[in-house]
Amino acid sequence: MTDLALWVKALHIMAFAAWMAGLWYLPRLFIYHSQVSAGTESSEKFKVMERRLLRAIATPAMLATLALGIALGVIQGQWGEGWLHVKTLLVLGLAACHGIMARWVKAFAADQRPASETGLRWFNELPTVLFVVIVCLVIFKPL
């Protein structure tokens, strides 16, 4: 593996870690936000936290993860490998979760509750499941 590939891989892993931090913490904020009344000081603080987490951390980290992942696949010539096809599909699932959360940030900002607390709790687990499968695919390359 070339030095360039190692640097791209290291940056890809760092970006992925930052993205996952956002995908894990944002649903927790939604759960806590759903437990307070609209218009309260607490609700307003949650709006700021959600917006900043999405815009300043999660979205830039997602874009970096995707760009660096594509670059790494090109540099290493891995696009024909089955495990990478499955990983790419699962990463698109994470991007869909990200998009749903972005809509929910907007909904909470408008004092709406886009899902029940129970629904938010279930959704909170989805990025973790995708994360586990993605990491296992990368480490074991079963396909």
C-alpha atoms as a PDB file:
ATOM      1  CA  MET A   1       0.000   0.000   0.000  1.00  0.00           C
ATOM      2  CA  THR A   2       1.373   3.412  -0.945  1.00  0.00           C
ATOM      3  CA  ASP A   3       1.913   6.286   1.466  1.00  0.00           C
ATOM      4  CA  LEU A   4      -0.907   8.158  -0.283  1.00  0.00           C
ATOM      5  CA  ALA A   5      -3.309   5.263   0.269  1.00  0.00           C
ATOM      6  CA  LEU A   6      -2.344   5.100   3.944  1.00  0.00           C
ATOM      7  CA  TRP A   7      -2.961   8.832   4.410  1.00  0.00           C
ATOM      8  CA  VAL A   8      -6.285   8.673   2.590  1.00  0.00           C
ATOM      9  CA  LYS A   9      -7.296   5.638   4.664  1.00  0.00           C
ATOM     10  CA  ALA A  10      -6.328   7.382   7.920  1.00  0.00           C
ATOM     11  CA  LEU A  11      -8.306  10.511   6.979  1.00  0.00           C
ATOM     12  CA  HIS A  12     -11.250   8.339   5.863  1.00  0.00           C
ATOM     13  CA  ILE A  13     -11.328   6.574   9.244  1.00  0.00           C
ATOM     14  CA  MET A  14     -11.132   9.914  11.107  1.00  0.00           C
ATOM     15  CA  ALA A  15     -13.960  11.392   9.029  1.00  0.00           C
ATOM     16  CA  PHE A  16     -16.048   8.239   9.523  1.00  0.00           C
ATOM     17  CA  ALA A  17     -15.503   8.437  13.294  1.00  0.00           C
ATOM     18  CA  ALA A  18     -16.662  12.064  13.341  1.00  0.00           C
ATOM     19  CA  TRP A  19     -19.687  11.265  11.168  1.00  0.00           C
ATOM     20  CA  MET A  20     -20.683   8.371  13.402  1.00  0.00           C
ATOM     21  CA  ALA A  21     -20.368  10.599  16.464  1.00  0.00           C
ATOM     22  CA  GLY A  22     -22.957  12.876  14.882  1.00  0.00           C
ATOM     23  CA  LEU A  23     -25.207   9.982  13.857  1.00  0.00           C
ATOM     24  CA  TRP A  24     -25.076   8.586  17.388  1.00  0.00           C
ATOM     25  CA  TYR A  25     -25.528  11.833  19.301  1.00  0.00           C
ATOM     26  CA  LEU A  26     -28.131  13.589  17.174  1.00  0.00           C
ATOM     27  CA  PRO A  27     -30.878  10.995  17.815  1.00  0.00           C
ATOM     28  CA  ARG A  28     -30.147  11.233  21.553  1.00  0.00           C
ATOM     29  CA  LEU A  29     -30.657  14.998  21.320  1.00  0.00           C
ATOM     30  CA  PHE A  30     -33.953  14.386  19.517  1.00  0.00           C
ATOM     31  CA  ILE A  31     -35.106  12.056  22.289  1.00  0.00           C
ATOM     32  CA  TYR A  32     -34.254  14.623  24.968  1.00  0.00           C
ATOM     33  CA  HIS A  33     -35.770  17.421  22.869  1.00  0.00           C
ATOM     34  CA  SER A  34     -39.009  15.482  22.454  1.00  0.00           C
ATOM     35  CA  GLN A  35     -39.340  15.397  26.257  1.00  0.00           C
ATOM     36  CA  VAL A  36     -39.475  19.198  26.693  1.00  0.00           C
ATOM     37  CA  SER A  37     -42.218  21.603  25.717  1.00  0.00           C
ATOM     38  CA  ALA A  38     -41.889  23.720  22.591  1.00  0.00           C
ATOM     39  CA  GLY A  39     -40.903  27.316  23.212  1.00  0.00           C
ATOM     40  CA  THR A  40     -39.076  26.626  26.475  1.00  0.00           C
ATOM     41  CA  GLU A  41     -35.489  27.643  27.116  1.00  0.00           C
ATOM     42  CA  SER A  42     -34.486  23.975  27.022  1.00  0.00           C
ATOM     43  CA  SER A  43     -36.164  23.481  23.661  1.00  0.00           C
ATOM     44  CA  GLU A  44     -34.322  26.483  22.241  1.00  0.00           C
ATOM     45  CA  LYS A  45     -30.976  25.119  23.497  1.00  0.00           C
ATOM     46  CA  PHE A  46     -31.680  21.756  21.878  1.00  0.00           C
ATOM     47  CA  LYS A  47     -32.421  23.519  18.575  1.00  0.00           C
ATOM     48  CA  VAL A  48     -29.018  25.212  18.653  1.00  0.00           C
ATOM     49  CA  MET A  49     -27.216  21.994  19.625  1.00  0.00           C
ATOM     50  CA  GLU A  50     -28.943  19.972  16.899  1.00  0.00           C
ATOM     51  CA  ARG A  51     -28.299  22.560  14.201  1.00  0.00           C
ATOM     52  CA  ARG A  52     -24.634  22.992  15.121  1.00  0.00           C
ATOM     53  CA  LEU A  53     -23.986  19.255  15.378  1.00  0.00           C
ATOM     54  CA  LEU A  54     -25.549  18.657  11.977  1.00  0.00           C
ATOM     55  CA  ARG A  55     -23.984  21.601  10.134  1.00  0.00           C
ATOM     56  CA  ALA A  56     -20.577  21.906  11.783  1.00  0.00           C
ATOM     57  CA  ILE A  57     -19.702  18.265  12.423  1.00  0.00           C
ATOM     58  CA  ALA A  58     -21.954  15.582  10.928  1.00  0.00           C
ATOM     59  CA  THR A  59     -22.478  16.942   7.407  1.00  0.00           C
ATOM     60  CA  PRO A  60     -18.846  17.959   6.753  1.00  0.00           C
ATOM     61  CA  ALA A  61     -17.696  14.610   8.186  1.00  0.00           C
ATOM     62  CA  MET A  62     -20.160  12.746   5.947  1.00  0.00           C
ATOM     63  CA  LEU A  63     -18.929  14.571   2.852  1.00  0.00           C
ATOM     64  CA  ALA A  64     -15.298  13.917   3.788  1.00  0.00           C
ATOM     65  CA  THR A  65     -16.055  10.241   4.481  1.00  0.00           C
ATOM     66  CA  LEU A  66     -17.700   9.800   1.098  1.00  0.00           C
ATOM     67  CA  ALA A  67     -15.014  11.685  -0.850  1.00  0.00           C
ATOM     68  CA  LEU A  68     -12.139   9.922   0.899  1.00  0.00           C
ATOM     69  CA  GLY A  69     -13.846   6.530   0.569  1.00  0.00           C
ATOM     70  CA  ILE A  70     -14.259   7.002  -3.176  1.00  0.00           C
ATOM     71  CA  ALA A  71     -10.636   8.155  -3.460  1.00  0.00           C
ATOM     72  CA  LEU A  72      -9.441   5.134  -1.481  1.00  0.00           C
ATOM     73  CA  GLY A  73     -11.420   2.750  -3.669  1.00  0.00           C
ATOM     74  CA  VAL A  74      -9.839   4.315  -6.767  1.00  0.00           C
ATOM     75  CA  ILE A  75      -6.297   4.386  -5.357  1.00  0.00           C
ATOM     76  CA  GLN A  76      -6.490   0.754  -4.253  1.00  0.00           C
ATOM     77  CA  GLY A  77      -8.437  -0.450  -7.289  1.00  0.00           C
ATOM     78  CA  GLN A  78     -11.067  -2.174  -5.163  1.00  0.00           C
ATOM     79  CA  TRP A  79     -14.268  -1.240  -6.989  1.00  0.00           C
ATOM     80  CA  GLY A  80     -14.684  -4.757  -8.364  1.00  0.00           C
ATOM     81  CA  GLU A  81     -14.710  -6.397  -4.928  1.00  0.00           C
ATOM     82  CA  GLY A  82     -18.045  -7.645  -3.581  1.00  0.00           C
ATOM     83  CA  TRP A  83     -17.483  -6.556   0.017  1.00  0.00           C
ATOM     84  CA  LEU A  84     -16.988  -2.968  -1.190  1.00  0.00           C
ATOM     85  CA  HIS A  85     -20.285  -3.088  -3.111  1.00  0.00           C
ATOM     86  CA  VAL A  86     -22.119  -4.158   0.049  1.00  0.00           C
ATOM     87  CA  LYS A  87     -20.240  -1.583   2.138  1.00  0.00           C
ATOM     88  CA  THR A  88     -21.190   1.140  -0.342  1.00  0.00           C
ATOM     89  CA  LEU A  89     -24.853   0.132  -0.108  1.00  0.00           C
ATOM     90  CA  LEU A  90     -24.693   0.262   3.712  1.00  0.00           C
ATOM     91  CA  VAL A  91     -22.945   3.645   3.626  1.00  0.00           C
ATOM     92  CA  LEU A  92     -25.806   4.892   1.461  1.00  0.00           C
ATOM     93  CA  GLY A  93     -28.068   3.644   4.264  1.00  0.00           C
ATOM     94  CA  LEU A  94     -26.102   5.796   6.712  1.00  0.00           C
ATOM     95  CA  ALA A  95     -26.450   8.742   4.333  1.00  0.00           C
ATOM     96  CA  ALA A  96     -30.225   8.130   4.268  1.00  0.00           C
ATOM     97  CA  CYS A  97     -30.246   8.160   8.096  1.00  0.00           C
ATOM     98  CA  HIS A  98     -28.327  11.429   7.913  1.00  0.00           C
ATOM     99  CA  GLY A  99     -30.910  12.886   5.535  1.00  0.00           C
ATOM    100  CA  ILE A 100     -33.781  11.844   7.800  1.00  0.00           C
ATOM    101  CA  MET A 101     -32.032  13.463  10.758  1.00  0.00           C
ATOM    102  CA  ALA A 102     -31.478  16.657   8.764  1.00  0.00           C
ATOM    103  CA  ARG A 103     -35.246  16.820   8.121  1.00  0.00           C
ATOM    104  CA  TRP A 104     -35.893  16.211  11.811  1.00  0.00           C
ATOM    105  CA  VAL A 105     -33.556  19.062  12.781  1.00  0.00           C
ATOM    106  CA  LYS A 106     -35.707  21.333  10.618  1.00  0.00           C
ATOM    107  CA  ALA A 107     -38.917  19.915  12.110  1.00  0.00           C
ATOM    108  CA  PHE A 108     -37.734  20.417  15.699  1.00  0.00           C
ATOM    109  CA  ALA A 109     -36.584  23.943  14.771  1.00  0.00           C
ATOM    110  CA  ALA A 110     -40.199  24.606  13.707  1.00  0.00           C
ATOM    111  CA  ASP A 111     -41.440  23.245  17.080  1.00  0.00           C
ATOM    112  CA  GLN A 112     -42.778  20.073  15.462  1.00  0.00           C
ATOM    113  CA  ARG A 113     -42.241  16.567  16.760  1.00  0.00           C
ATOM    114  CA  PRO A 114     -41.485  14.432  13.666  1.00  0.00           C
ATOM    115  CA  ALA A 115     -41.640  11.087  15.492  1.00  0.00           C
ATOM    116  CA  SER A 116     -42.703   9.670  18.817  1.00  0.00           C
ATOM    117  CA  GLU A 117     -40.149   9.245  21.570  1.00  0.00           C
ATOM    118  CA  THR A 118     -40.372   5.481  21.051  1.00  0.00           C
ATOM    119  CA  GLY A 119     -39.808   5.894  17.312  1.00  0.00           C
ATOM    120  CA  LEU A 120     -36.805   8.099  17.983  1.00  0.00           C
ATOM    121  CA  ARG A 121     -35.389   5.488  20.361  1.00  0.00           C
ATOM    122  CA  TRP A 122     -35.730   2.752  17.724  1.00  0.00           C
ATOM    123  CA  PHE A 123     -34.213   4.957  15.029  1.00  0.00           C
ATOM    124  CA  ASN A 124     -31.311   5.681  17.381  1.00  0.00           C
ATOM    125  CA  GLU A 125     -30.174   2.050  16.982  1.00  0.00           C
ATOM    126  CA  LEU A 126     -30.060   1.965  13.176  1.00  0.00           C
ATOM    127  CA  PRO A 127     -26.713   3.782  12.704  1.00  0.00           C
ATOM    128  CA  THR A 128     -25.118   1.423  15.235  1.00  0.00           C
ATOM    129  CA  VAL A 129     -26.277  -1.676  13.369  1.00  0.00           C
ATOM    130  CA  LEU A 130     -25.014  -0.259  10.065  1.00  0.00           C
ATOM    131  CA  PHE A 131     -21.709   0.727  11.717  1.00  0.00           C
ATOM    132  CA  VAL A 132     -21.096  -2.797  13.049  1.00  0.00           C
ATOM    133  CA  VAL A 133     -21.778  -4.438   9.687  1.00  0.00           C
ATOM    134  CA  ILE A 134     -19.647  -1.898   7.793  1.00  0.00           C
ATOM    135  CA  VAL A 135     -16.665  -2.358  10.108  1.00  0.00           C
ATOM    136  CA  CYS A 136     -16.949  -6.156   9.893  1.00  0.00           C
ATOM    137  CA  LEU A 137     -17.065  -5.987   6.080  1.00  0.00           C
ATOM    138  CA  VAL A 138     -13.930  -3.832   5.984  1.00  0.00           C
ATOM    139  CA  ILE A 139     -11.995  -6.034   8.396  1.00  0.00           C
ATOM    140  CA  PHE A 140     -13.032  -9.495   7.170  1.00  0.00           C
ATOM    141  CA  LYS A 141     -13.812  -8.756   3.478  1.00  0.00           C
ATOM    142  CA  PRO A 142     -16.062 -11.844   3.266  1.00  0.00           C
ATOM    143  CA  LEU A 143     -17.218 -11.326  -0.331  1.00  0.00           C
END
